[in-house]
C-alpha cells in the first residue's frame, strides 16, 4: 500500500469522524481536498488545499 493511499484513508476517517460529531463544514472541507487533489502525485496536496481554504476563510472574516 502506498503512503499516499494511507494518508487519504486517514483523511477519509477524519471526515467521517467530523460528520458523526456534527461538524459538517470540517468534513466537507476534507472531502473537497481529497476530490480536488486526487490526480496529484504530491501526497501533501490535500493538506495544502485545506491550509489554503482556511487561510482564505480567515482573510474573508477579517475583511468582513
Protein backbone atom coordinates (compact mmCIF):
# COMPACT_ATOMS: atom_id res chain seq x y z
CA UNK A 1 0.00 0.00 0.00
CA UNK A 2 1.42 3.38 -0.91
CA UNK A 3 1.90 6.12 1.62
CA UNK A 4 -0.49 8.36 -0.30
CA UNK A 5 -3.36 5.91 -0.07
CA UNK A 6 -2.73 5.57 3.67
CA UNK A 7 -2.90 9.36 4.02
CA UNK A 8 -6.13 9.51 2.05
CA UNK A 9 -7.64 6.75 4.19
CA UNK A 10 -6.74 8.73 7.30
CA UNK A 11 -8.34 11.87 5.86
CA UNK A 12 -11.50 9.93 4.98
CA UNK A 13 -11.60 8.57 8.54
CA UNK A 14 -11.21 12.11 9.91
CA UNK A 15 -14.01 13.38 7.66
CA UNK A 16 -16.32 10.62 8.89
CA UNK A 17 -15.40 11.49 12.48
CA UNK A 18 -16.36 15.12 11.86
CA UNK A 19 -19.65 14.06 10.27
CA UNK A 20 -20.52 11.87 13.25
CA UNK A 21 -19.73 14.71 15.64
CA UNK A 22 -21.88 17.34 13.91
CA UNK A 23 -19.06 19.26 12.23
CA UNK A 24 -20.19 19.02 8.59
CA UNK A 25 -18.15 22.03 7.42
CA UNK A 26 -14.92 20.37 8.52
CA UNK A 27 -15.93 17.06 6.96
CA UNK A 28 -16.82 18.73 3.66
CA UNK A 29 -13.53 20.64 3.56
CA UNK A 30 -11.59 17.39 3.95
CA UNK A 31 -13.66 15.59 1.31
CA UNK A 32 -13.25 18.55 -1.07
CA UNK A 33 -9.49 18.48 -0.52
CA UNK A 34 -9.35 14.81 -1.49
CA UNK A 35 -11.55 15.32 -4.56
CA UNK A 36 -9.68 18.38 -5.84
CA UNK A 37 -6.25 16.82 -5.43
CA UNK A 38 -6.96 13.20 -6.37
CA UNK A 39 -4.84 13.37 -9.54
CA UNK A 40 -1.88 14.97 -7.81
CA UNK A 41 1.24 12.94 -7.15
CA UNK A 42 2.04 15.19 -4.19
CA UNK A 43 0.92 13.38 -1.05
CA UNK A 44 0.69 16.72 0.78
CA UNK A 45 -1.68 18.29 -1.77
CA UNK A 46 -4.85 17.66 0.29
CA UNK A 47 -3.24 19.26 3.35
CA UNK A 48 -2.13 22.29 1.32
CA UNK A 49 -5.67 22.57 -0.08
CA UNK A 50 -7.09 22.64 3.46
CA UNK A 51 -4.49 25.18 4.62
CA UNK A 52 -5.25 27.45 1.65
CA UNK A 53 -9.01 27.18 2.20
CA UNK A 54 -8.65 28.02 5.90
CA UNK A 55 -6.38 30.98 5.13
CA UNK A 56 -8.86 32.29 2.56
CA UNK A 57 -11.73 31.88 5.02
CA UNK A 58 -9.75 33.69 7.70
CA UNK A 59 -8.99 36.57 5.32
CA UNK A 60 -12.68 36.83 4.38
CA UNK A 61 -13.64 37.03 8.06
CA UNK A 62 -11.06 39.74 8.73
CA UNK A 63 -12.25 41.86 5.81
CA UNK A 64 -15.94 41.50 6.69
